[in-house]
Amino acid sequence: MAVEWLTPSWPVPANVRALSTLRGGGASAEPYASLNLGSHVQDAPAAVTENRRRLRAAAELPAEPAWLDQIHGVKIANLDSSPVGVSLSPADGAITRVPGRVCAILTADCLPVLIASEAGDAVAAAHAGWRGLAGGVLEAAVRALDVAASSLLVWLGPAIGPGHFEVGPEVRDELLQGDPGALTAFVPNSRGRFMADLPGLARRRLEHLGVTRIYGEAACTYGQPELYFSHRRDGRTGRQATLIWLQSKYKSR
């Protein structure tokens, strides 16, 4: 099986390239079958290396993606401040203004968020689980880009859907602290907990920043085991990747 991915549908300039991987086409064995791109989930290191090589070759990436040490925080790495291949400190987002640098986010239920300027001169990727949203990771990514919010385009990638994302009252309360009007994103269930709309919460926060052009897939990672890894569904599992980069304007799309 060949490596496969989603190509975001959003009206960005032609030099902005992006993709979000599916789980097939890799070298990993169960429970990581098969295109696991995370090196931190106890998969065989050789399999992860091969999976990353296959992705880079199939997608014709201009460089190895900048794989972050994600910790559900709010730090945004500037890829342009370090040479390609240099290890980056823990971060949950990345920005670049230089063609050929590839921002990468690993997920298995959390929401991958891609951001691009309408001018096609800056892009970012952010890892938005509930902790990151509550902490302000999207706000940090927009600040790091230093581009007017009204000129940004955002794509929300595959994540756990509201039919499967159960949270406790304490998580709901943390998320409401930064957005008291988000009560409609939480539906009480019979267990005294709440079903939360993670993409909806992200959309609200972006809109509060002044970002109005928000696009994305309705794909639920939990509900489609043939396509996506899901930590909540499977526990020990792999990670898909969502990438964004600036292509040289002299190379055809």
C-alpha atoms as a PDB file:
ATOM      1  CA  MET A   1       0.000   0.000   0.000  1.00  0.00           C
ATOM      2  CA  ALA A   2       1.284   3.445  -0.904  1.00  0.00           C
ATOM      3  CA  VAL A   3       1.612   6.254   1.595  1.00  0.00           C
ATOM      4  CA  GLU A   4      -1.621   8.270   1.591  1.00  0.00           C
ATOM      5  CA  TRP A   5      -2.659  11.614   2.999  1.00  0.00           C
ATOM      6  CA  LEU A   6      -5.352  14.264   3.000  1.00  0.00           C
ATOM      7  CA  THR A   7      -4.655  17.458   1.099  1.00  0.00           C
ATOM      8  CA  PRO A   8      -6.320  20.392   2.866  1.00  0.00           C
ATOM      9  CA  SER A   9      -9.001  22.196   0.910  1.00  0.00           C
ATOM     10  CA  TRP A  10      -8.461  25.893   1.606  1.00  0.00           C
ATOM     11  CA  PRO A  11      -7.738  28.904  -0.644  1.00  0.00           C
ATOM     12  CA  VAL A  12      -4.071  29.464   0.203  1.00  0.00           C
ATOM     13  CA  PRO A  13      -1.459  30.709  -2.282  1.00  0.00           C
ATOM     14  CA  ALA A  14       0.045  28.046  -4.544  1.00  0.00           C
ATOM     15  CA  ASN A  15       3.394  28.085  -2.749  1.00  0.00           C
ATOM     16  CA  VAL A  16       1.794  27.021   0.551  1.00  0.00           C
ATOM     17  CA  ARG A  17       1.849  23.235   0.717  1.00  0.00           C
ATOM     18  CA  ALA A  18       0.236  21.045   3.340  1.00  0.00           C
ATOM     19  CA  LEU A  19      -0.886  17.492   4.029  1.00  0.00           C
ATOM     20  CA  SER A  20      -2.253  15.313   6.815  1.00  0.00           C
ATOM     21  CA  THR A  21      -1.271  11.650   6.766  1.00  0.00           C
ATOM     22  CA  LEU A  22      -3.487   8.594   7.002  1.00  0.00           C
ATOM     23  CA  ARG A  23      -2.339   5.435   8.779  1.00  0.00           C
ATOM     24  CA  GLY A  24      -1.634   3.133   5.815  1.00  0.00           C
ATOM     25  CA  GLY A  25       1.451   2.592   3.707  1.00  0.00           C
ATOM     26  CA  GLY A  26       4.055   2.243   6.422  1.00  0.00           C
ATOM     27  CA  ALA A  27       6.409  -0.354   7.886  1.00  0.00           C
ATOM     28  CA  SER A  28       5.185  -0.555  11.495  1.00  0.00           C
ATOM     29  CA  ALA A  29       3.562  -3.660  12.965  1.00  0.00           C
ATOM     30  CA  GLU A  30       0.516  -3.713  15.253  1.00  0.00           C
ATOM     31  CA  PRO A  31      -0.476  -1.834  17.314  1.00  0.00           C
ATOM     32  CA  TYR A  32       1.288   0.858  15.273  1.00  0.00           C
ATOM     33  CA  ALA A  33       0.276  -0.394  11.831  1.00  0.00           C
ATOM     34  CA  SER A  34       1.344   0.964   9.665  1.00  0.00           C
ATOM     35  CA  LEU A  35       2.475   4.548   8.979  1.00  0.00           C
ATOM     36  CA  ASN A  36       3.305   5.525  12.545  1.00  0.00           C
ATOM     37  CA  LEU A  37       5.374   8.704  12.464  1.00  0.00           C
ATOM     38  CA  GLY A  38       5.858   9.150  16.207  1.00  0.00           C
ATOM     39  CA  SER A  39       9.176   8.128  17.729  1.00  0.00           C
ATOM     40  CA  HIS A  40       7.910   8.419  21.330  1.00  0.00           C
ATOM     41  CA  VAL A  41       5.266   5.659  21.378  1.00  0.00           C
ATOM     42  CA  GLN A  42       7.556   2.603  21.789  1.00  0.00           C
ATOM     43  CA  ASP A  43       7.393   1.560  18.153  1.00  0.00           C
ATOM     44  CA  ALA A  44      10.535   0.012  16.657  1.00  0.00           C
ATOM     45  CA  PRO A  45      12.896   2.916  15.858  1.00  0.00           C
ATOM     46  CA  ALA A  46      13.823   1.387  12.490  1.00  0.00           C
ATOM     47  CA  ALA A  47      10.152   1.274  11.489  1.00  0.00           C
ATOM     48  CA  VAL A  48       9.616   4.927  12.414  1.00  0.00           C
ATOM     49  CA  THR A  49      12.710   5.942  10.461  1.00  0.00           C
ATOM     50  CA  GLU A  50      11.463   4.012   7.429  1.00  0.00           C
ATOM     51  CA  ASN A  51       7.980   5.520   7.736  1.00  0.00           C
ATOM     52  CA  ARG A  52       9.407   9.019   7.790  1.00  0.00           C
ATOM     53  CA  ARG A  53      11.590   8.207   4.802  1.00  0.00           C
ATOM     54  CA  ARG A  54       8.593   6.898   2.867  1.00  0.00           C
ATOM     55  CA  LEU A  55       6.573  10.002   3.647  1.00  0.00           C
ATOM     56  CA  ARG A  56       9.348  12.340   2.623  1.00  0.00           C
ATOM     57  CA  ALA A  57       9.849  10.484  -0.670  1.00  0.00           C
ATOM     58  CA  ALA A  58       6.162  10.083  -1.531  1.00  0.00           C
ATOM     59  CA  ALA A  59       5.254  13.687  -0.741  1.00  0.00           C
ATOM     60  CA  GLU A  60       8.483  15.066  -2.239  1.00  0.00           C
ATOM     61  CA  LEU A  61       9.131  17.081   0.883  1.00  0.00           C
ATOM     62  CA  PRO A  62      11.850  19.704   0.539  1.00  0.00           C
ATOM     63  CA  ALA A  63      13.467  18.639   3.843  1.00  0.00           C
ATOM     64  CA  GLU A  64      12.988  16.380   6.828  1.00  0.00           C
ATOM     65  CA  PRO A  65      10.074  17.769   8.865  1.00  0.00           C
ATOM     66  CA  ALA A  66      10.927  19.467  12.144  1.00  0.00           C
ATOM     67  CA  TRP A  67       9.637  16.808  14.542  1.00  0.00           C
ATOM     68  CA  LEU A  68       8.833  18.507  17.836  1.00  0.00           C
ATOM     69  CA  ASP A  69       8.940  17.142  21.358  1.00  0.00           C
ATOM     70  CA  GLN A  70       5.271  17.898  22.065  1.00  0.00           C
ATOM     71  CA  ILE A  71       4.272  18.314  25.716  1.00  0.00           C
ATOM     72  CA  HIS A  72       0.725  19.781  25.493  1.00  0.00           C
ATOM     73  CA  GLY A  73       2.130  23.237  26.171  1.00  0.00           C
ATOM     74  CA  VAL A  74       2.021  26.563  24.371  1.00  0.00           C
ATOM     75  CA  LYS A  75       5.591  27.121  23.176  1.00  0.00           C
ATOM     76  CA  ILE A  76       5.954  27.856  19.454  1.00  0.00           C
ATOM     77  CA  ALA A  77       9.309  27.060  17.812  1.00  0.00           C
ATOM     78  CA  ASN A  78      10.701  29.358  15.126  1.00  0.00           C
ATOM     79  CA  LEU A  79      12.217  26.945  12.603  1.00  0.00           C
ATOM     80  CA  ASP A  80      14.147  29.732  10.934  1.00  0.00           C
ATOM     81  CA  SER A  81      16.336  30.304  13.999  1.00  0.00           C
ATOM     82  CA  SER A  82      18.032  26.882  13.823  1.00  0.00           C
ATOM     83  CA  PRO A  83      19.717  24.880  11.056  1.00  0.00           C
ATOM     84  CA  VAL A  84      17.682  22.107   9.474  1.00  0.00           C
ATOM     85  CA  GLY A  85      18.153  18.892  11.427  1.00  0.00           C
ATOM     86  CA  VAL A  86      19.000  20.524  14.753  1.00  0.00           C
ATOM     87  CA  SER A  87      16.974  19.149  17.661  1.00  0.00           C
ATOM     88  CA  LEU A  88      14.319  21.556  18.867  1.00  0.00           C
ATOM     89  CA  SER A  89      13.407  22.090  22.501  1.00  0.00           C
ATOM     90  CA  PRO A  90       9.937  20.945  23.621  1.00  0.00           C
ATOM     91  CA  ALA A  91       7.271  22.854  21.709  1.00  0.00           C
ATOM     92  CA  ASP A  92       3.697  22.409  20.553  1.00  0.00           C
ATOM     93  CA  GLY A  93       3.831  24.510  17.441  1.00  0.00           C
ATOM     94  CA  ALA A  94       6.194  25.821  14.814  1.00  0.00           C
ATOM     95  CA  ILE A  95       6.404  28.714  12.379  1.00  0.00           C
ATOM     96  CA  THR A  96       8.513  29.412   9.320  1.00  0.00           C
ATOM     97  CA  ARG A  97       8.940  32.152   6.742  1.00  0.00           C
ATOM     98  CA  VAL A  98      11.633  30.346   4.782  1.00  0.00           C
ATOM     99  CA  PRO A  99      10.820  28.063   1.823  1.00  0.00           C
ATOM    100  CA  GLY A 100      11.873  24.479   2.451  1.00  0.00           C
ATOM    101  CA  ARG A 101      11.318  24.349   6.212  1.00  0.00           C
ATOM    102  CA  VAL A 102       8.581  21.838   7.108  1.00  0.00           C
ATOM    103  CA  CYS A 103       6.422  22.384  10.206  1.00  0.00           C
ATOM    104  CA  ALA A 104       5.046  19.122  11.616  1.00  0.00           C
ATOM    105  CA  ILE A 105       2.491  18.177  14.253  1.00  0.00           C
ATOM    106  CA  LEU A 106       1.909  14.611  15.491  1.00  0.00           C
ATOM    107  CA  THR A 107      -1.566  13.636  16.704  1.00  0.00           C
ATOM    108  CA  ALA A 108      -3.750  10.676  17.614  1.00  0.00           C
ATOM    109  CA  ASP A 109      -6.947  12.545  18.648  1.00  0.00           C
ATOM    110  CA  CYS A 110      -5.673  16.046  19.410  1.00  0.00           C
ATOM    111  CA  LEU A 111      -6.443  18.723  16.843  1.00  0.00           C
ATOM    112  CA  PRO A 112      -3.742  19.690  14.310  1.00  0.00           C
ATOM    113  CA  VAL A 113      -4.120  23.329  13.265  1.00  0.00           C
ATOM    114  CA  LEU A 114      -2.435  24.817  10.192  1.00  0.00           C
ATOM    115  CA  ILE A 115      -2.140  28.570   9.660  1.00  0.00           C
ATOM    116  CA  ALA A 116      -1.002  30.492   6.568  1.00  0.00           C
ATOM    117  CA  SER A 117      -0.774  34.144   5.637  1.00  0.00           C
ATOM    118  CA  GLU A 118      -2.799  35.199   2.621  1.00  0.00           C
ATOM    119  CA  ALA A 119       0.421  36.534   1.106  1.00  0.00           C
ATOM    120  CA  GLY A 120       2.013  33.088   1.246  1.00  0.00           C
ATOM    121  CA  ASP A 121       5.041  34.324   3.179  1.00  0.00           C
ATOM    122  CA  ALA A 122       4.501  32.692   6.580  1.00  0.00           C
ATOM    123  CA  VAL A 123       3.003  29.445   7.885  1.00  0.00           C
ATOM    124  CA  ALA A 124       2.515  27.729  11.219  1.00  0.00           C
ATOM    125  CA  ALA A 125       1.323  24.452  12.703  1.00  0.00           C
ATOM    126  CA  ALA A 126      -0.040  23.958  16.214  1.00  0.00           C
ATOM    127  CA  HIS A 127      -0.875  20.955  18.397  1.00  0.00           C
ATOM    128  CA  ALA A 128      -4.230  21.689  20.043  1.00  0.00           C
ATOM    129  CA  GLY A 129      -5.408  19.169  22.570  1.00  0.00           C
ATOM    130  CA  TRP A 130      -7.590  20.382  25.411  1.00  0.00           C
ATOM    131  CA  ARG A 131      -4.590  21.356  27.542  1.00  0.00           C
ATOM    132  CA  GLY A 132      -3.066  23.344  24.721  1.00  0.00           C
ATOM    133  CA  LEU A 133      -6.340  25.085  23.948  1.00  0.00           C
ATOM    134  CA  ALA A 134      -6.866  25.970  27.603  1.00  0.00           C
ATOM    135  CA  GLY A 135      -3.292  27.243  27.863  1.00  0.00           C
ATOM    136  CA  GLY A 136      -3.496  29.382  24.739  1.00  0.00           C
ATOM    137  CA  VAL A 137      -1.473  27.518  22.113  1.00  0.00           C
ATOM    138  CA  LEU A 138      -3.506  28.965  19.227  1.00  0.00           C
ATOM    139  CA  GLU A 139      -3.121  32.475  20.571  1.00  0.00           C
ATOM    140  CA  ALA A 140       0.626  31.860  20.894  1.00  0.00           C
ATOM    141  CA  ALA A 141       0.866  30.634  17.288  1.00  0.00           C
ATOM    142  CA  VAL A 142      -0.947  33.672  15.934  1.00  0.00           C
ATOM    143  CA  ARG A 143       1.276  35.985  17.991  1.00  0.00           C
ATOM    144  CA  ALA A 144       4.411  34.216  16.773  1.00  0.00           C
ATOM    145  CA  LEU A 145       3.422  34.679  13.136  1.00  0.00           C
ATOM    146  CA  ASP A 146       3.108  38.440  13.710  1.00  0.00           C
ATOM    147  CA  VAL A 147       0.603  38.758  10.860  1.00  0.00           C
ATOM    148  CA  ALA A 148      -2.755  40.539  11.077  1.00  0.00           C
ATOM    149  CA  ALA A 149      -5.402  38.014  12.106  1.00  0.00           C
ATOM    150  CA  SER A 150      -7.691  39.238   9.344  1.00  0.00           C
ATOM    151  CA  SER A 151      -5.142  38.114   6.748  1.00  0.00           C
ATOM    152  CA  LEU A 152      -4.712  34.571   8.098  1.00  0.00           C
ATOM    153  CA  LEU A 153      -6.231  31.342   6.800  1.00  0.00           C
ATOM    154  CA  VAL A 154      -6.615  28.333   9.090  1.00  0.00           C
ATOM    155  CA  TRP A 155      -7.237  24.642   8.467  1.00  0.00           C
ATOM    156  CA  LEU A 156      -8.448  22.345  11.237  1.00  0.00           C
ATOM    157  CA  GLY A 157      -7.323  18.769  10.666  1.00  0.00           C
ATOM    158  CA  PRO A 158      -8.716  15.390  11.746  1.00  0.00           C
ATOM    159  CA  ALA A 159      -9.301  15.049  15.478  1.00  0.00           C
ATOM    160  CA  ILE A 160     -11.543  13.261  17.932  1.00  0.00           C
ATOM    161  CA  GLY A 161     -15.147  14.287  17.317  1.00  0.00           C
ATOM    162  CA  PRO A 162     -17.751  15.513  19.806  1.00  0.00           C
ATOM    163  CA  GLY A 163     -19.472  12.135  19.759  1.00  0.00           C
ATOM    164  CA  HIS A 164     -16.424  10.496  21.358  1.00  0.00           C
ATOM    165  CA  PHE A 165     -14.540  13.183  23.298  1.00  0.00           C
ATOM    166  CA  GLU A 166     -15.694  12.784  26.891  1.00  0.00           C
ATOM    167  CA  VAL A 167     -14.260  15.135  29.527  1.00  0.00           C
ATOM    168  CA  GLY A 168     -14.865  15.711  33.212  1.00  0.00           C
ATOM    169  CA  PRO A 169     -16.192  18.888  34.848  1.00  0.00           C
ATOM    170  CA  GLU A 170     -12.666  19.976  35.746  1.00  0.00           C
ATOM    171  CA  VAL A 171     -11.576  19.947  32.091  1.00  0.00           C
ATOM    172  CA  ARG A 172     -14.692  21.798  31.017  1.00  0.00           C
ATOM    173  CA  ASP A 173     -14.041  24.425  33.691  1.00  0.00           C
ATOM    174  CA  GLU A 174     -10.449  24.940  32.507  1.00  0.00           C
ATOM    175  CA  LEU A 175     -11.595  25.438  28.928  1.00  0.00           C
ATOM    176  CA  LEU A 176     -14.356  27.831  29.957  1.00  0.00           C
ATOM    177  CA  GLN A 177     -11.897  30.040  31.856  1.00  0.00           C
ATOM    178  CA  GLY A 178     -10.481  31.265  28.573  1.00  0.00           C
ATOM    179  CA  ASP A 179     -13.849  31.305  26.816  1.00  0.00           C
ATOM    180  CA  PRO A 180     -16.840  31.599  29.179  1.00  0.00           C
ATOM    181  CA  GLY A 181     -19.254  31.625  26.237  1.00  0.00           C
ATOM    182  CA  ALA A 182     -18.259  28.145  25.098  1.00  0.00           C
ATOM    183  CA  LEU A 183     -20.914  26.314  27.113  1.00  0.00           C
ATOM    184  CA  THR A 184     -22.576  25.177  23.882  1.00  0.00           C
ATOM    185  CA  ALA A 185     -19.443  23.138  23.053  1.00  0.00           C
ATOM    186  CA  PHE A 186     -20.179  20.783  25.973  1.00  0.00           C
ATOM    187  CA  VAL A 187     -23.116  18.370  26.083  1.00  0.00           C
ATOM    188  CA  PRO A 188     -23.844  16.620  29.413  1.00  0.00           C
ATOM    189  CA  ASN A 189     -23.998  12.824  29.297  1.00  0.00           C
ATOM    190  CA  SER A 190     -25.518  10.173  31.551  1.00  0.00           C
ATOM    191  CA  ARG A 191     -22.243   9.676  33.466  1.00  0.00           C
ATOM    192  CA  GLY A 192     -22.174  13.188  34.874  1.00  0.00           C
ATOM    193  CA  ARG A 193     -19.499  14.173  32.373  1.00  0.00           C
ATOM    194  CA  PHE A 194     -19.508  16.091  29.100  1.00  0.00           C
ATOM    195  CA  MET A 195     -19.044  15.411  25.398  1.00  0.00           C
ATOM    196  CA  ALA A 196     -16.788  18.191  24.113  1.00  0.00           C
ATOM    197  CA  ASP A 197     -16.461  19.679  20.642  1.00  0.00           C
ATOM    198  CA  LEU A 198     -12.693  20.136  20.299  1.00  0.00           C
ATOM    199  CA  PRO A 199     -12.722  21.631  16.757  1.00  0.00           C
ATOM    200  CA  GLY A 200     -15.596  23.900  17.785  1.00  0.00           C
ATOM    201  CA  LEU A 201     -13.636  25.164  20.783  1.00  0.00           C
ATOM    202  CA  ALA A 202     -10.632  25.889  18.564  1.00  0.00           C
ATOM    203  CA  ARG A 203     -12.801  27.702  16.049  1.00  0.00           C
ATOM    204  CA  ARG A 204     -14.223  29.942  18.782  1.00  0.00           C
ATOM    205  CA  ARG A 205     -10.777  30.895  20.036  1.00  0.00           C
ATOM    206  CA  LEU A 206      -9.570  31.716  16.542  1.00  0.00           C
ATOM    207  CA  GLU A 207     -12.634  33.842  15.871  1.00  0.00           C
ATOM    208  CA  HIS A 208     -12.019  35.741  19.124  1.00  0.00           C
ATOM    209  CA  LEU A 209      -8.555  36.579  17.762  1.00  0.00           C
ATOM    210  CA  GLY A 210     -10.111  38.006  14.605  1.00  0.00           C
ATOM    211  CA  VAL A 211      -9.444  35.015  12.349  1.00  0.00           C
ATOM    212  CA  THR A 212     -12.509  34.539  10.141  1.00  0.00           C
ATOM    213  CA  ARG A 213     -11.305  32.268   7.328  1.00  0.00           C
ATOM    214  CA  ILE A 214     -11.358  28.863   8.983  1.00  0.00           C
ATOM    215  CA  TYR A 215     -11.574  25.635   7.000  1.00  0.00           C
ATOM    216  CA  GLY A 216     -11.246  21.977   7.854  1.00  0.00           C
ATOM    217  CA  GLU A 217     -12.245  18.357   7.659  1.00  0.00           C
ATOM    218  CA  ALA A 218     -15.039  16.878   9.748  1.00  0.00           C
ATOM    219  CA  ALA A 219     -13.028  13.636  10.064  1.00  0.00           C
ATOM    220  CA  CYS A 220     -13.146  11.999  13.503  1.00  0.00           C
ATOM    221  CA  THR A 221     -10.010  10.045  14.390  1.00  0.00           C
ATOM    222  CA  TYR A 222     -11.812   7.900  16.968  1.00  0.00           C
ATOM    223  CA  GLY A 223     -14.601   6.822  14.641  1.00  0.00           C
ATOM    224  CA  GLN A 224     -12.479   5.775  11.654  1.00  0.00           C
ATOM    225  CA  PRO A 225      -9.973   3.138  12.814  1.00  0.00           C
ATOM    226  CA  GLU A 226      -9.124   2.127   9.242  1.00  0.00           C
ATOM    227  CA  LEU A 227      -7.822   5.634   8.530  1.00  0.00           C
ATOM    228  CA  TYR A 228      -6.579   7.146  11.776  1.00  0.00           C
ATOM    229  CA  PHE A 229      -4.684   6.376  14.947  1.00  0.00           C
ATOM    230  CA  SER A 230      -6.676   7.223  18.099  1.00  0.00           C
ATOM    231  CA  HIS A 231      -5.187   7.176  21.577  1.00  0.00           C
ATOM    232  CA  ARG A 232      -8.585   7.306  23.266  1.00  0.00           C
ATOM    233  CA  ARG A 233      -9.856   4.370  21.226  1.00  0.00           C
ATOM    234  CA  ASP A 234      -6.791   2.137  21.273  1.00  0.00           C
ATOM    235  CA  GLY A 235      -4.455   3.323  24.014  1.00  0.00           C
ATOM    236  CA  ARG A 236      -1.105   2.092  22.681  1.00  0.00           C
ATOM    237  CA  THR A 237      -1.054   3.277  19.073  1.00  0.00           C
ATOM    238  CA  GLY A 238       0.773   5.331  16.467  1.00  0.00           C
ATOM    239  CA  ARG A 239       0.662   8.957  15.416  1.00  0.00           C
ATOM    240  CA  GLN A 240      -0.313  10.645  12.154  1.00  0.00           C
ATOM    241  CA  ALA A 241       1.388  13.839  11.024  1.00  0.00           C
ATOM    242  CA  THR A 242       0.064  17.127   9.706  1.00  0.00           C
ATOM    243  CA  LEU A 243       2.623  19.177   7.786  1.00  0.00           C
ATOM    244  CA  ILE A 244       2.856  22.643   6.271  1.00  0.00           C
ATOM    245  CA  TRP A 245       5.673  24.374   4.416  1.00  0.00           C
ATOM    246  CA  LEU A 246       6.457  27.067   1.889  1.00  0.00           C
ATOM    247  CA  GLN A 247       7.459  25.750  -1.494  1.00  0.00           C
ATOM    248  CA  SER A 248       9.850  27.705  -3.674  1.00  0.00           C
ATOM    249  CA  LYS A 249       7.793  29.819  -6.057  1.00  0.00           C
ATOM    250  CA  TYR A 250      10.039  28.581  -8.829  1.00  0.00           C
ATOM    251  CA  LYS A 251       8.919  24.969  -8.398  1.00  0.00           C
ATOM    252  CA  SER A 252       5.635  23.894  -9.929  1.00  0.00           C
ATOM    253  CA  ARG A 253       2.780  22.669  -7.753  1.00  0.00           C
END
